[in-house]
Protein backbone atom coordinates (compact mmCIF):
# COMPACT_ATOMS: atom_id res chain seq x y z
CA UNK A 1 1.64 -108.09 115.75
CA UNK A 2 2.66 -110.38 112.99
CA UNK A 3 6.40 -110.59 114.11
CA UNK A 4 7.04 -111.45 118.13
CA UNK A 5 7.11 -108.49 120.33
CA UNK A 6 7.77 -107.36 124.19
CA UNK A 7 4.98 -107.29 126.43
CA UNK A 8 4.65 -105.92 129.68
CA UNK A 9 2.78 -107.30 132.90
CA UNK A 10 2.72 -106.23 136.39
CA UNK A 11 3.32 -107.91 139.88
CA UNK A 12 1.12 -107.62 142.96
CA UNK A 13 3.67 -105.03 144.18
CA UNK A 14 3.21 -103.06 141.06
CA UNK A 15 6.43 -103.77 139.37
CA UNK A 16 6.42 -104.41 135.81
CA UNK A 17 7.68 -107.64 133.77
CA UNK A 18 9.02 -107.46 130.48
CA UNK A 19 8.19 -110.74 128.50
CA UNK A 20 8.12 -112.39 125.19
CA UNK A 21 4.63 -112.35 123.40
CA UNK A 22 4.12 -114.82 120.36
CA UNK A 23 3.63 -112.84 116.98
CA UNK A 24 1.05 -114.41 114.32
CA UNK A 25 4.12 -115.96 112.27
CA UNK A 26 4.83 -117.98 115.64
CA UNK A 27 1.14 -118.77 116.13
CA UNK A 28 1.03 -120.24 112.21
CA UNK A 29 4.31 -122.12 112.91
CA UNK A 30 2.64 -124.17 115.73
CA UNK A 31 0.83 -125.80 112.97
CA UNK A 32 3.66 -127.33 110.94
CA UNK A 33 3.09 -131.09 110.12
CA UNK A 34 0.04 -131.15 112.78
CA UNK A 35 -1.97 -133.34 110.38
CA UNK A 36 1.42 -135.70 108.89
CA UNK A 37 -0.29 -138.42 106.87
CA UNK A 38 -3.87 -137.50 107.30
CA UNK A 39 -6.42 -136.33 104.80
CA UNK A 40 -8.45 -132.70 104.57
CA UNK A 41 -11.39 -131.24 102.44
CA UNK A 42 -10.93 -128.14 100.71
CA UNK A 43 -14.76 -126.63 100.09
CA UNK A 44 -14.81 -123.83 97.18
CA UNK A 45 -18.33 -122.01 96.81
CA UNK A 46 -19.41 -123.26 93.66
CA UNK A 47 -23.13 -124.23 93.05
CA UNK A 48 -22.22 -127.83 92.83
CA UNK A 49 -21.65 -128.18 96.45
CA UNK A 50 -26.12 -128.09 96.41
CA UNK A 51 -25.92 -131.39 94.52
CA UNK A 52 -23.73 -133.20 96.93
CA UNK A 53 -24.53 -134.73 100.32
CA UNK A 54 -22.29 -133.32 102.58
CA UNK A 55 -22.79 -135.13 106.07
CA UNK A 56 -19.68 -137.56 106.27
CA UNK A 57 -17.35 -134.44 106.53
CA UNK A 58 -18.33 -133.66 109.87
CA UNK A 59 -15.85 -135.35 111.57
CA UNK A 60 -13.21 -134.46 108.68
CA UNK A 61 -10.73 -131.71 108.24
CA UNK A 62 -12.15 -129.04 106.63
CA UNK A 63 -11.00 -125.82 105.05
CA UNK A 64 -13.29 -123.10 103.41
CA UNK A 65 -13.30 -119.54 102.28
CA UNK A 66 -15.46 -116.27 101.92
CA UNK A 67 -19.30 -117.09 101.91
CA UNK A 68 -19.00 -120.77 102.64
CA UNK A 69 -20.06 -119.57 106.39
CA UNK A 70 -23.37 -119.04 105.12
CA UNK A 71 -23.80 -122.44 104.47
CA UNK A 72 -22.82 -123.99 108.30
CA UNK A 73 -25.94 -123.96 109.84
CA UNK A 74 -27.55 -126.06 107.12
CA UNK A 75 -24.35 -128.17 106.87
CA UNK A 76 -24.94 -128.86 110.53
CA UNK A 77 -20.82 -127.84 111.08
CA UNK A 78 -18.33 -125.45 110.31
CA UNK A 79 -14.97 -125.79 108.27
CA UNK A 80 -12.40 -125.99 111.05
CA UNK A 81 -10.29 -123.27 108.89
CA UNK A 82 -12.09 -120.53 107.14
CA UNK A 83 -9.79 -118.35 104.83
CA UNK A 84 -10.08 -114.49 103.74
CA UNK A 85 -7.81 -112.72 101.63
CA UNK A 86 -9.42 -110.37 98.87
CA UNK A 87 -10.16 -107.61 100.75
CA UNK A 88 -13.67 -106.70 99.04
CA UNK A 89 -14.57 -110.01 100.08
CA UNK A 90 -13.23 -109.27 103.31
CA UNK A 91 -15.00 -106.09 103.63
CA UNK A 92 -18.36 -107.08 102.81
CA UNK A 93 -18.38 -110.09 105.11
CA UNK A 94 -16.65 -108.21 108.11
CA UNK A 95 -19.64 -107.95 110.65
CA UNK A 96 -20.19 -111.94 109.87
CA UNK A 97 -17.04 -112.89 110.09
CA UNK A 98 -16.41 -111.02 113.50
CA UNK A 99 -19.49 -113.05 114.90
CA UNK A 100 -18.36 -116.34 113.74
CA UNK A 101 -16.84 -118.44 117.30
CA UNK A 102 -15.08 -121.78 117.58
CA UNK A 103 -13.45 -121.49 113.93
CA UNK A 104 -10.09 -120.77 112.92
CA UNK A 105 -10.14 -117.71 111.30
CA UNK A 106 -6.85 -117.19 108.59
CA UNK A 107 -7.05 -113.36 107.02
CA UNK A 108 -4.46 -112.01 104.76
CA UNK A 109 -2.46 -108.95 106.63
CA UNK A 110 -4.07 -106.30 104.55
CA UNK A 111 -7.31 -107.04 105.74
CA UNK A 112 -6.14 -107.11 109.56
CA UNK A 113 -8.20 -103.55 110.08
CA UNK A 114 -11.72 -105.61 109.34
CA UNK A 115 -10.88 -108.52 111.80
CA UNK A 116 -11.39 -108.39 115.55
CA UNK A 117 -8.07 -109.44 117.66
CA UNK A 118 -9.24 -112.99 119.24
CA UNK A 119 -7.93 -116.30 119.77
CA UNK A 120 -9.55 -117.63 116.64
CA UNK A 121 -7.94 -115.15 114.44
CA UNK A 122 -4.59 -115.64 112.55
CA UNK A 123 -3.25 -113.15 109.68
CA UNK A 124 -0.74 -114.70 107.33
CA UNK A 125 1.03 -112.60 104.74
CA UNK A 126 0.03 -112.80 100.88
CA UNK A 127 2.64 -111.70 98.40
CA UNK A 128 2.62 -112.28 94.54
CA UNK A 129 5.70 -114.35 93.53
CA UNK A 130 6.50 -115.93 90.06
CA UNK A 131 8.84 -118.32 88.82
CA UNK A 132 8.69 -118.25 85.25
CA UNK A 133 4.90 -116.93 84.97
CA UNK A 134 3.82 -119.50 86.88
CA UNK A 135 2.77 -118.52 90.70
CA UNK A 136 5.26 -119.43 93.33
CA UNK A 137 4.11 -122.30 95.95
CA UNK A 138 5.33 -121.45 99.76
CA UNK A 139 6.57 -124.27 101.95
CA UNK A 140 6.77 -121.88 104.98
CA UNK A 141 3.47 -120.67 105.09
CA UNK A 142 3.87 -118.55 108.09
CA UNK A 143 6.46 -116.33 106.54
CA UNK A 144 4.68 -115.99 102.87
CA UNK A 145 1.42 -117.55 101.19
CA UNK A 146 1.88 -117.18 97.41
CA UNK A 147 -1.08 -115.57 95.46
CA UNK A 148 -2.32 -117.67 92.66
CA UNK A 149 -5.42 -115.66 91.33
CA UNK A 150 -7.73 -117.78 93.79
CA UNK A 151 -8.28 -117.95 97.75
CA UNK A 152 -8.17 -121.86 97.03
CA UNK A 153 -4.10 -121.80 96.18
CA UNK A 154 -3.63 -120.38 99.57
CA UNK A 155 -5.74 -123.39 101.19
CA UNK A 156 -3.92 -125.52 99.39
CA UNK A 157 -0.48 -124.24 100.67
CA UNK A 158 -1.58 -123.92 104.36
CA UNK A 159 -2.74 -127.96 103.65
CA UNK A 160 0.89 -128.59 102.58
CA UNK A 161 2.38 -126.69 105.39
CA UNK A 162 -0.01 -128.82 108.20
CA UNK A 163 1.29 -132.14 106.30
CA UNK A 164 -1.59 -133.55 104.91
CA UNK A 165 -0.91 -136.42 102.77
CA UNK A 166 -4.37 -136.78 100.95
CA UNK A 167 -6.11 -133.12 99.62
CA UNK A 168 -9.80 -133.63 98.34
CA UNK A 169 -11.49 -130.42 96.92
CA UNK A 170 -14.73 -130.05 96.26
CA UNK A 171 -17.24 -127.56 95.06
CA UNK A 172 -14.26 -125.51 93.17
CA UNK A 173 -16.35 -125.85 89.95
CA UNK A 174 -13.81 -123.57 88.02
CA UNK A 175 -16.61 -122.49 86.29
CA UNK A 176 -17.29 -118.46 85.90
CA UNK A 177 -19.99 -118.05 83.16
CA UNK A 178 -20.15 -115.16 80.98
CA UNK A 179 -18.17 -113.30 83.25
CA UNK A 180 -14.54 -113.70 81.96
CA UNK A 181 -15.69 -113.34 78.63
CA UNK A 182 -17.59 -109.95 79.27
CA UNK A 183 -15.40 -108.36 81.46
CA UNK A 184 -11.32 -108.49 81.88
CA UNK A 185 -9.37 -109.86 84.72
CA UNK A 186 -10.21 -107.26 87.91
CA UNK A 187 -12.93 -106.00 89.96
CA UNK A 188 -16.29 -104.91 88.70
CA UNK A 189 -19.18 -103.42 90.81
CA UNK A 190 -22.46 -105.66 90.66
CA UNK A 191 -24.85 -103.77 89.24
CA UNK A 192 -28.53 -104.61 88.46
CA UNK A 193 -27.48 -104.78 84.81
CA UNK A 194 -25.00 -107.50 85.57
CA UNK A 195 -26.34 -109.53 88.50
CA UNK A 196 -28.23 -111.78 86.26
CA UNK A 197 -24.35 -112.88 85.27
CA UNK A 198 -23.43 -113.44 88.99
CA UNK A 199 -26.33 -115.48 90.74
CA UNK A 200 -25.93 -119.06 89.84
CA UNK A 201 -21.86 -118.99 89.88
CA UNK A 202 -21.75 -119.88 93.85
CA UNK A 203 -23.62 -122.11 96.09
CA UNK A 204 -26.12 -119.49 97.43
CA UNK A 205 -27.92 -116.94 95.00
CA UNK A 206 -27.40 -114.32 97.70
CA UNK A 207 -23.50 -114.60 98.07
CA UNK A 208 -23.45 -111.60 96.12
CA UNK A 209 -25.65 -108.22 95.83
CA UNK A 210 -26.30 -105.33 94.18
CA UNK A 211 -23.16 -102.96 95.19
CA UNK A 212 -20.98 -105.27 96.08
CA UNK A 213 -17.28 -105.95 94.42
CA UNK A 214 -16.93 -109.29 92.59
CA UNK A 215 -13.43 -110.52 91.35
CA UNK A 216 -13.43 -111.29 87.50
CA UNK A 217 -11.12 -114.20 88.01
CA UNK A 218 -7.26 -114.83 85.60
CA UNK A 219 -8.29 -118.22 84.65
CA UNK A 220 -5.06 -118.50 82.96
CA UNK A 221 -3.18 -117.87 86.27
CA UNK A 222 -5.57 -120.04 88.16
CA UNK A 223 -4.66 -122.85 85.95
CA UNK A 224 -1.16 -122.46 86.50
CA UNK A 225 -1.15 -122.46 90.26
CA UNK A 226 -3.25 -125.22 90.08
CA UNK A 227 -0.80 -127.43 88.27
CA UNK A 228 1.99 -125.93 90.70
CA UNK A 229 -0.08 -127.46 93.72
CA UNK A 230 -0.46 -130.60 92.01
CA UNK A 231 3.68 -131.09 91.37
CA UNK A 232 4.33 -129.72 94.46
CA UNK A 233 2.16 -132.32 96.59
CA UNK A 234 3.55 -135.24 93.75
CA UNK A 235 7.48 -134.17 94.71
CA UNK A 236 6.89 -134.72 98.10
CA UNK A 237 4.83 -138.14 97.72
CA UNK A 238 1.24 -136.88 98.37
CA UNK A 239 -1.86 -135.90 96.16
CA UNK A 240 -4.60 -133.81 95.19
CA UNK A 241 -7.38 -134.96 94.32
CA UNK A 242 -10.72 -133.31 92.75
CA UNK A 243 -13.77 -134.90 94.37
CA UNK A 244 -16.47 -132.53 93.26
CA UNK A 245 -19.02 -132.72 90.53
CA UNK A 246 -19.60 -130.79 87.56
CA UNK A 247 -16.26 -129.22 87.99
CA UNK A 248 -14.21 -128.18 85.06
CA UNK A 249 -11.21 -127.97 87.27
CA UNK A 250 -8.70 -130.95 85.61
CA UNK A 251 -5.19 -130.43 86.93
CA UNK A 252 -6.16 -132.84 89.73
CA UNK A 253 -7.01 -136.66 89.36
CA UNK A 254 -10.86 -136.99 89.43
CA UNK A 255 -12.29 -139.07 92.12
CA UNK A 256 -15.54 -140.32 93.18
CA UNK A 257 -16.70 -138.44 96.69
CA UNK A 258 -18.52 -141.42 97.82
CA UNK A 259 -16.08 -143.81 96.94
CA UNK A 260 -13.69 -141.97 100.08
CA UNK A 261 -16.19 -143.05 102.86
CA UNK A 262 -16.93 -146.97 101.61
CA UNK A 263 -14.26 -148.08 103.66
């Protein structure tokens, strides 16, 4: 359950004991400022990841989303946090998600029925919200996470709640090829006629298959969301950097990935 709720246990003599059980909102609250002053890395799913040596991230705090888990074996490590919010993404990957162990999976409440309850699974409340056409940014992640047309925006709000002072994004290529030109923002089904437009947009050529549903992004909303996140961090004396390669995401200051680990 999302909110705290009463539970029942039994003594040896059979008597009932009513006790307080923490809902997911309370469980999320325990992460507040857990990594205050530290740094983390947010991994997108762009093909540029294949151009990078990601081995230095093995000992860093990392976040990923959707199909990034397909890389875990190759990387030699799992991200510490793995996010799912989009209904179609969660549905087509539900079996793989439920098999993952030893990783904190944060899943939108709208997809709770796809995910097995376990100590590794937490559920958050995603919601649309705008300030003058700019996506809102949550400072209270356990209560609400605002949508910004990309799962990366939700991960940035989580990073803020956890207290990270430096966030480095990589693999957020912000390049969707011909999709935004051919289709309006929304969802389309992948067919034999359009799968060639999809391949090459993600780190794995097998990221999607025919019959899956893919989101055509609302790039304008994404740009506003990224700019909002950057402003929120800066206003709090914190910083988001783009440490990726071949990225068209200009909302964050660029920094060379290798230079982060020189010291």
